[in-house]
Amino acid sequence: MGERGTASVRLRFEASVIYWRGPAPFFYAPLPTPEADEIRRLSRQVTYGWGMIPVEATVGGVVFTTSLFPKDGGYLLPLKADVRRRARVTAGDTIVVDLAVQVAQR
């Protein structure tokens, strides 16, 4: 599954989309604690560096690949503009995320 490797774990959760105004604006879906804990248990096996975790995600029927990154003890799922536009989501929306953690190719 996905171009980065085979899925090692599949998760489904709800998240509220957040907006982070850093050097450039970004939108994220923070993983709930139980799912973040599951990712953390696998992180050494699947990270490709800096704690980044390759995933294939589905939001509103839109399938995309990206990487989770650690933040404040949890993980954030980045939502690119194209994904948000196609899934019709923005900050404050509650979304359902299907997530497949990919085995990083080394």
Protein backbone atom coordinates (compact mmCIF):
# COMPACT_ATOMS: atom_id res chain seq x y z
CA MET A 1 0.00 0.00 0.00
CA GLY A 2 1.33 3.44 -0.84
CA GLU A 3 4.59 4.21 -2.52
CA ARG A 4 6.64 4.23 0.66
CA GLY A 5 6.06 0.64 1.72
CA THR A 6 3.52 -1.66 3.23
CA ALA A 7 1.13 -0.65 5.97
CA SER A 8 2.16 -1.78 9.42
CA VAL A 9 -0.74 -0.28 11.42
CA ARG A 10 -4.14 1.11 10.49
CA LEU A 11 -5.96 3.62 12.68
CA ARG A 12 -9.28 5.46 12.46
CA PHE A 13 -10.03 8.50 14.57
CA GLU A 14 -11.81 11.84 14.73
CA ALA A 15 -9.88 15.08 15.02
CA SER A 16 -10.60 18.78 14.99
CA VAL A 17 -8.62 20.60 12.30
CA ILE A 18 -6.31 23.24 13.73
CA TYR A 19 -4.61 26.21 12.11
CA TRP A 20 -1.02 27.00 13.04
CA ARG A 21 0.32 30.36 12.03
CA GLY A 22 4.05 29.87 11.84
CA PRO A 23 6.44 31.22 9.22
CA ALA A 24 3.77 29.97 6.79
CA PRO A 25 0.20 28.99 7.66
CA PHE A 26 -0.46 25.28 8.07
CA PHE A 27 -3.46 23.13 8.93
CA TYR A 28 -3.21 19.93 10.94
CA ALA A 29 -5.26 17.14 12.44
CA PRO A 30 -3.80 16.33 15.87
CA LEU A 31 -3.89 12.63 16.70
CA PRO A 32 -5.87 11.75 19.81
CA THR A 33 -3.80 10.42 22.72
CA PRO A 34 -4.54 6.67 22.24
CA GLU A 35 -3.57 6.81 18.56
CA ALA A 36 -0.49 8.95 19.29
CA ASP A 37 0.57 6.40 21.90
CA GLU A 38 0.23 3.61 19.33
CA ILE A 39 2.36 5.56 16.83
CA ARG A 40 4.97 6.27 19.52
CA ARG A 41 5.30 2.53 20.23
CA LEU A 42 6.10 1.94 16.55
CA SER A 43 8.13 5.06 15.89
CA ARG A 44 11.61 3.53 15.98
CA GLN A 45 10.57 0.87 13.47
CA VAL A 46 8.91 3.22 10.97
CA THR A 47 10.53 6.66 11.22
CA TYR A 48 12.80 7.87 8.46
CA GLY A 49 14.42 10.43 10.77
CA TRP A 50 13.61 13.37 13.05
CA GLY A 51 10.62 11.46 14.39
CA MET A 52 8.76 11.76 11.09
CA ILE A 53 6.34 8.88 10.44
CA PRO A 54 5.31 8.12 6.81
CA VAL A 55 1.58 7.54 6.40
CA GLU A 56 -1.19 7.18 3.87
CA ALA A 57 -4.29 9.00 5.07
CA THR A 58 -7.88 9.35 3.92
CA VAL A 59 -9.99 12.37 4.83
CA GLY A 60 -13.41 12.94 3.25
CA GLY A 61 -12.67 10.34 0.58
CA VAL A 62 -9.38 12.02 -0.36
CA VAL A 63 -6.39 9.65 -0.15
CA PHE A 64 -2.93 11.20 0.27
CA THR A 65 0.55 10.42 1.52
CA THR A 66 2.38 12.58 4.01
CA SER A 67 4.31 12.26 7.26
CA LEU A 68 3.19 12.71 10.83
CA PHE A 69 5.51 14.74 12.94
CA PRO A 70 5.95 14.86 16.68
CA LYS A 71 4.67 17.91 18.54
CA ASP A 72 4.28 18.40 22.30
CA GLY A 73 4.25 14.67 23.05
CA GLY A 74 1.73 13.86 20.31
CA TYR A 75 1.66 13.80 16.52
CA LEU A 76 0.21 16.12 13.88
CA LEU A 77 -1.16 15.08 10.49
CA PRO A 78 -0.47 17.87 7.96
CA LEU A 79 -3.41 18.77 5.70
CA LYS A 80 -2.17 20.36 2.47
CA ALA A 81 -4.29 22.96 0.69
CA ASP A 82 -5.21 20.54 -2.11
CA VAL A 83 -6.41 17.92 0.40
CA ARG A 84 -8.44 20.49 2.35
CA ARG A 85 -10.00 21.85 -0.83
CA ARG A 86 -10.93 18.42 -2.19
CA ALA A 87 -12.24 17.19 1.20
CA ARG A 88 -13.92 20.56 1.89
CA VAL A 89 -12.44 21.00 5.36
CA THR A 90 -10.94 23.94 7.25
CA ALA A 91 -9.89 24.93 10.75
CA GLY A 92 -12.43 23.97 13.40
CA ASP A 93 -14.00 21.17 11.36
CA THR A 94 -14.18 17.72 12.92
CA ILE A 95 -12.95 15.11 10.47
CA VAL A 96 -12.67 11.34 10.37
CA VAL A 97 -9.18 10.14 9.47
CA ASP A 98 -8.25 6.67 8.23
CA LEU A 99 -4.51 6.33 8.67
CA ALA A 100 -2.12 3.61 7.49
CA VAL A 101 1.39 3.85 8.93
CA GLN A 102 3.93 2.98 6.24
CA VAL A 103 7.20 1.15 6.73
CA ALA A 104 9.89 3.67 5.81
CA GLN A 105 12.17 2.62 2.99
CA ARG A 106 15.76 2.88 4.11
